[in-house]
Amino acid sequence: EEAREAVRWEIEQNIPLSINDVYYDWQFVETGPKIGHQDVLVSAMPKKFVDGFVSTLHTCNLSVKGLEVESVAVSRALVKNLASGEPLLMVDLGATRTSFIIFSGSALQFTSSVPVGGNKMIEVIVQALGVEHQEAKRLFYEVGLDAHVDGGKVRTVLEPLVRDLAEQIRNYISFYEGHALHEHHARSDAAGAQGSVAIKKILLCGGVSNLNGLNVYLAMALKIAVETGNPWVNILTAPLREVPGLSYRTSLSYTTALGLALSGIQKAPR
């Protein structure tokens, strides 16, 4: 009961909306021994936004069992056993926006998004090369950042946008590493002094993560290991990462859906 009141107070102090105008939920987060306090993960969303979704679902004669923020579902899909010994950055690249999700220990630590996605990149190819949308889409995924195809024309068009993406990722990493004083999983040196928090791996997901050459470009620009995530890691036995009728590359567009499905399976009565 005390935690419930404390969480409500903290939410009121930390979100730019009245507590009466949002739906929120929270849960305790597992932490290591000798922490001396209890971490809490909170989700909050404007009621107007949520009510629109619920109304649409009811109109379709569907009953609503639960709602979840996207970043939690993405984490559940990509993080093996939902546990990471060191901070991990997930970049969800969609058609209209890109989300940045930092996960460490057993919970989210930071999440944000920007309204830039694959649609804008494809439109830039249309305008710069004078091709139809479908051809621009093909060039985006099949040629992408390959400098050896057509004299690197597509790469030249896309590089400013991808460079900006790399810079935004760098800024978010710097912000987190500079403010993560509460990170329980920071490394300590031999003398026991607390070390700095460092993100050493980035996982990409979302349909736009299929952009040819994106992994290599970001890894070189950021000097951090960059991999395409596996949204089946908590569903299929390794090394499997696709199912009949849904290729691995296509399934990256369904990362959020797979994470939501995992939640439903875990909560279903046995």
Protein backbone atom coordinates (compact mmCIF):
# COMPACT_ATOMS: atom_id res chain seq x y z
CA GLU A 1 0.00 0.00 0.00
CA GLU A 2 2.87 2.39 0.77
CA ALA A 3 4.52 1.57 -2.56
CA ARG A 4 1.28 2.28 -4.42
CA GLU A 5 1.04 5.75 -2.92
CA ALA A 6 4.75 6.44 -3.48
CA VAL A 7 4.52 5.43 -7.14
CA ARG A 8 1.51 7.67 -7.69
CA TRP A 9 3.40 10.59 -6.15
CA GLU A 10 6.49 9.97 -8.28
CA ILE A 11 4.40 9.74 -11.46
CA GLU A 12 2.79 13.09 -10.69
CA GLN A 13 6.27 14.61 -10.31
CA ASN A 14 7.76 13.10 -13.46
CA ILE A 15 5.21 13.18 -16.30
CA PRO A 16 3.92 16.31 -18.09
CA LEU A 17 0.26 15.38 -17.57
CA SER A 18 -2.18 15.33 -14.68
CA ILE A 19 -2.34 11.96 -12.95
CA ASN A 20 -6.11 12.03 -13.57
CA ASP A 21 -5.53 12.18 -17.33
CA VAL A 22 -3.41 9.02 -17.63
CA TYR A 23 -3.69 5.29 -17.16
CA TYR A 24 -0.66 3.85 -15.43
CA ASP A 25 0.65 0.60 -14.08
CA TRP A 26 3.81 -0.48 -12.29
CA GLN A 27 5.71 -3.50 -11.07
CA PHE A 28 8.62 -4.27 -8.80
CA VAL A 29 11.93 -4.90 -10.58
CA GLU A 30 14.35 -7.55 -9.41
CA THR A 31 17.66 -6.13 -8.20
CA GLY A 32 20.82 -7.64 -6.81
CA PRO A 33 21.56 -8.11 -3.11
CA LYS A 34 22.63 -5.28 -0.79
CA ILE A 35 20.87 -2.59 -2.82
CA GLY A 36 18.94 -1.19 0.12
CA HIS A 37 15.91 -0.12 -1.88
CA GLN A 38 13.28 -1.42 -4.28
CA ASP A 39 13.32 -0.50 -7.98
CA VAL A 40 10.00 0.02 -9.74
CA LEU A 41 9.14 0.06 -13.45
CA VAL A 42 6.28 2.39 -14.39
CA SER A 43 4.25 2.72 -17.60
CA ALA A 44 1.90 5.63 -18.21
CA MET A 45 -0.20 6.68 -21.21
CA PRO A 46 -2.75 9.46 -21.83
CA LYS A 47 -6.33 8.24 -21.35
CA LYS A 48 -7.45 9.82 -24.64
CA PHE A 49 -4.86 7.76 -26.54
CA VAL A 50 -5.77 4.51 -24.79
CA ASP A 51 -9.53 5.06 -25.00
CA GLY A 52 -9.28 5.40 -28.79
CA PHE A 53 -7.66 1.96 -29.09
CA VAL A 54 -10.13 0.34 -26.70
CA SER A 55 -13.11 1.86 -28.51
CA THR A 56 -11.86 0.54 -31.85
CA LEU A 57 -11.36 -2.96 -30.44
CA HIS A 58 -14.83 -2.96 -28.88
CA THR A 59 -16.30 -1.85 -32.22
CA CYS A 60 -14.66 -4.96 -33.74
CA ASN A 61 -16.39 -7.06 -31.05
CA LEU A 62 -13.07 -7.83 -29.37
CA SER A 63 -12.68 -7.84 -25.59
CA VAL A 64 -9.60 -6.16 -24.17
CA LYS A 65 -7.52 -8.29 -21.80
CA GLY A 66 -4.65 -5.87 -21.43
CA LEU A 67 -2.58 -3.12 -23.04
CA GLU A 68 1.18 -2.74 -23.04
CA VAL A 69 3.67 -0.12 -24.16
CA GLU A 70 5.62 -1.09 -27.25
CA SER A 71 9.09 -0.94 -25.70
CA VAL A 72 8.21 -3.60 -23.10
CA ALA A 73 6.99 -5.98 -25.80
CA VAL A 74 10.10 -5.40 -27.93
CA SER A 75 12.33 -6.16 -24.95
CA ARG A 76 10.44 -9.36 -24.19
CA ALA A 77 10.92 -10.51 -27.78
CA LEU A 78 14.62 -9.64 -28.23
CA VAL A 79 16.31 -10.09 -24.83
CA LYS A 80 17.17 -13.73 -24.14
CA ASN A 81 15.28 -14.85 -21.01
CA LEU A 82 14.54 -11.16 -20.41
CA ALA A 83 17.87 -10.71 -18.64
CA SER A 84 21.02 -8.83 -19.60
CA GLY A 85 24.16 -8.53 -17.50
CA GLU A 86 25.09 -5.22 -19.13
CA PRO A 87 23.12 -2.38 -20.73
CA LEU A 88 21.78 -3.22 -24.18
CA LEU A 89 20.40 -0.75 -26.71
CA MET A 90 17.58 -1.88 -29.00
CA VAL A 91 16.73 0.29 -32.02
CA ASP A 92 13.28 -0.41 -33.46
CA LEU A 93 13.22 1.00 -37.00
CA GLY A 94 9.69 1.34 -38.33
CA ALA A 95 8.02 2.95 -41.31
CA THR A 96 7.16 6.24 -39.59
CA ARG A 97 9.30 6.36 -36.44
CA THR A 98 12.36 4.96 -34.72
CA SER A 99 12.41 3.91 -31.06
CA PHE A 100 15.44 3.68 -28.77
CA ILE A 101 15.15 1.21 -25.91
CA ILE A 102 17.83 0.59 -23.27
CA PHE A 103 17.49 -2.58 -21.22
CA SER A 104 19.68 -3.76 -18.36
CA GLY A 105 19.32 -6.36 -15.64
CA SER A 106 15.71 -7.47 -15.93
CA ALA A 107 13.95 -4.24 -16.90
CA LEU A 108 13.81 -1.22 -19.16
CA GLN A 109 16.06 1.64 -18.13
CA PHE A 110 15.33 4.25 -20.79
CA THR A 111 13.11 4.63 -23.85
CA SER A 112 12.47 7.35 -26.42
CA SER A 113 11.45 7.72 -30.06
CA VAL A 114 11.79 10.10 -32.99
CA PRO A 115 9.31 10.59 -35.88
CA VAL A 116 11.72 9.42 -38.58
CA GLY A 117 11.47 6.06 -40.33
CA GLY A 118 11.76 4.09 -43.53
CA ASN A 119 9.01 5.95 -45.41
CA LYS A 120 11.04 9.17 -45.34
CA MET A 121 14.17 7.37 -46.53
CA ILE A 122 12.34 5.72 -49.43
CA GLU A 123 10.74 9.04 -50.41
CA VAL A 124 14.20 10.63 -50.55
CA ILE A 125 15.26 7.94 -53.06
CA VAL A 126 12.14 8.65 -55.14
CA GLN A 127 12.92 12.36 -55.31
CA ALA A 128 16.69 12.11 -55.77
CA LEU A 129 16.77 9.33 -58.38
CA GLY A 130 13.43 10.01 -60.09
CA VAL A 131 12.13 6.43 -59.72
CA GLU A 132 8.71 5.04 -58.82
CA HIS A 133 7.95 4.24 -55.20
CA GLN A 134 8.09 0.48 -55.68
CA GLU A 135 11.49 0.69 -57.37
CA ALA A 136 12.74 3.02 -54.62
CA LYS A 137 11.62 0.47 -52.05
CA ARG A 138 13.51 -2.28 -53.88
CA LEU A 139 16.66 -0.15 -54.08
CA PHE A 140 16.35 0.68 -50.39
CA TYR A 141 16.32 -2.93 -49.22
CA GLU A 142 18.39 -4.67 -51.91
CA VAL A 143 21.05 -2.03 -52.64
CA GLY A 144 20.91 0.26 -49.64
CA LEU A 145 24.33 1.32 -48.40
CA ASP A 146 26.32 -0.84 -50.84
CA ALA A 147 28.86 1.49 -52.43
CA HIS A 148 29.66 -0.98 -55.22
CA VAL A 149 26.25 -0.99 -56.94
CA ASP A 150 25.44 1.67 -59.56
CA GLY A 151 28.39 3.73 -58.46
CA GLY A 152 27.01 4.04 -54.95
CA LYS A 153 24.15 6.33 -56.03
CA VAL A 154 21.67 4.89 -53.52
CA ARG A 155 24.24 5.01 -50.72
CA THR A 156 24.99 8.67 -51.52
CA VAL A 157 21.28 9.49 -51.19
CA LEU A 158 20.77 7.53 -47.97
CA GLU A 159 24.01 8.29 -46.16
CA PRO A 160 23.02 11.70 -44.73
CA LEU A 161 19.89 10.15 -43.18
CA VAL A 162 21.75 7.14 -41.80
CA ARG A 163 24.53 9.38 -40.53
CA ASP A 164 21.91 11.42 -38.67
CA LEU A 165 20.47 8.20 -37.22
CA ALA A 166 23.94 7.20 -35.99
CA GLU A 167 24.36 10.61 -34.39
CA GLN A 168 21.01 10.34 -32.60
CA ILE A 169 21.95 6.88 -31.32
CA ARG A 170 25.29 8.30 -30.10
CA ASN A 171 23.48 11.12 -28.29
CA TYR A 172 21.09 8.74 -26.53
CA ILE A 173 23.95 6.47 -25.50
CA SER A 174 25.91 9.45 -24.14
CA PHE A 175 22.87 10.70 -22.24
CA TYR A 176 22.25 7.30 -20.66
CA GLU A 177 25.87 6.63 -19.79
CA GLY A 178 26.13 10.08 -18.25
CA HIS A 179 22.97 9.78 -16.16
CA ALA A 180 22.88 6.08 -15.23
CA LEU A 181 24.13 6.63 -11.70
CA HIS A 182 21.52 4.14 -10.53
CA GLU A 183 22.82 1.30 -12.74
CA HIS A 184 23.20 -1.79 -10.56
CA HIS A 185 25.15 -3.71 -13.17
CA ALA A 186 28.04 -1.29 -13.71
CA ARG A 187 31.43 -2.95 -13.68
CA SER A 188 33.78 -2.57 -10.71
CA ASP A 189 37.58 -2.65 -10.83
CA ALA A 190 39.85 -4.94 -8.81
CA ALA A 191 39.82 -2.52 -5.89
CA GLY A 192 36.04 -2.54 -5.80
CA ALA A 193 35.59 0.96 -7.23
CA GLN A 194 32.45 1.35 -9.26
CA GLY A 195 33.12 1.47 -12.99
CA SER A 196 31.32 3.42 -15.70
CA VAL A 197 28.16 2.18 -17.37
CA ALA A 198 28.83 1.32 -21.00
CA ILE A 199 26.57 0.05 -23.76
CA LYS A 200 28.54 -2.51 -25.73
CA LYS A 201 25.90 -3.97 -28.04
CA ILE A 202 23.07 -2.66 -30.20
CA LEU A 203 20.24 -4.84 -31.50
CA LEU A 204 18.23 -3.68 -34.52
CA CYS A 205 14.65 -4.70 -35.23
CA GLY A 206 11.66 -3.48 -37.22
CA GLY A 207 11.22 -3.75 -40.97
CA VAL A 208 13.69 -0.98 -41.75
CA SER A 209 16.49 -2.93 -40.04
CA ASN A 210 16.58 -4.93 -43.30
CA LEU A 211 18.22 -1.95 -45.03
CA ASN A 212 21.23 -3.46 -46.80
CA GLY A 213 24.49 -2.57 -45.02
CA LEU A 214 22.92 -0.80 -42.04
CA ASN A 215 24.53 -3.05 -39.41
CA VAL A 216 28.02 -2.51 -40.79
CA TYR A 217 27.58 1.24 -41.24
CA LEU A 218 26.35 1.80 -37.67
CA ALA A 219 29.00 -0.47 -36.17
CA MET A 220 31.76 1.48 -37.91
CA ALA A 221 30.25 4.86 -37.06
CA LEU A 222 29.59 4.09 -33.39
CA LYS A 223 32.47 1.68 -32.68
CA ILE A 224 29.95 -0.64 -30.99
CA ALA A 225 28.86 -4.15 -31.98
CA VAL A 226 25.63 -3.91 -33.98
CA GLU A 227 23.49 -6.97 -34.72
CA THR A 228 20.05 -7.62 -36.13
CA GLY A 229 17.95 -8.93 -33.27
CA ASN A 230 16.16 -12.26 -33.24
CA PRO A 231 12.48 -11.82 -32.30
CA TRP A 232 12.18 -15.62 -31.96
CA VAL A 233 14.96 -15.99 -29.38
CA ASN A 234 12.49 -16.73 -26.56
CA ILE A 235 10.14 -18.80 -28.73
CA LEU A 236 12.14 -21.13 -30.99
CA THR A 237 15.02 -23.40 -30.04
CA ALA A 238 18.37 -22.17 -31.41
CA PRO A 239 19.48 -21.96 -34.15
CA LEU A 240 15.92 -21.66 -35.54
CA ARG A 241 14.76 -18.10 -36.17
CA GLU A 242 11.85 -18.38 -38.59
CA VAL A 243 8.71 -20.42 -39.16
CA PRO A 244 7.07 -21.68 -42.38
CA GLY A 245 5.39 -18.80 -44.16
CA LEU A 246 7.24 -16.12 -42.21
CA SER A 247 10.90 -15.56 -43.06
CA TYR A 248 13.37 -14.19 -40.53
CA ARG A 249 13.69 -10.87 -42.37
CA THR A 250 9.91 -10.43 -42.53
CA SER A 251 9.48 -11.41 -38.89
CA LEU A 252 11.59 -8.40 -37.84
CA SER A 253 8.54 -6.28 -38.69
CA TYR A 254 6.55 -8.33 -36.16
CA THR A 255 8.93 -7.98 -33.20
CA THR A 256 6.36 -6.08 -31.13
CA ALA A 257 3.59 -8.55 -31.98
CA LEU A 258 5.76 -11.52 -31.00
CA GLY A 259 6.64 -9.83 -27.71
CA LEU A 260 2.95 -9.25 -26.99
CA ALA A 261 2.16 -12.86 -27.85
CA LEU A 262 4.83 -14.03 -25.40
CA SER A 263 3.16 -11.99 -22.68
CA GLY A 264 -0.17 -13.65 -23.42
CA ILE A 265 1.38 -17.12 -23.33
CA GLN A 266 3.14 -16.44 -20.02
CA LYS A 267 -0.05 -15.18 -18.40
CA ALA A 268 -2.34 -17.89 -19.80
CA PRO A 269 -3.65 -20.43 -17.25
CA ARG A 270 -1.83 -23.77 -17.39
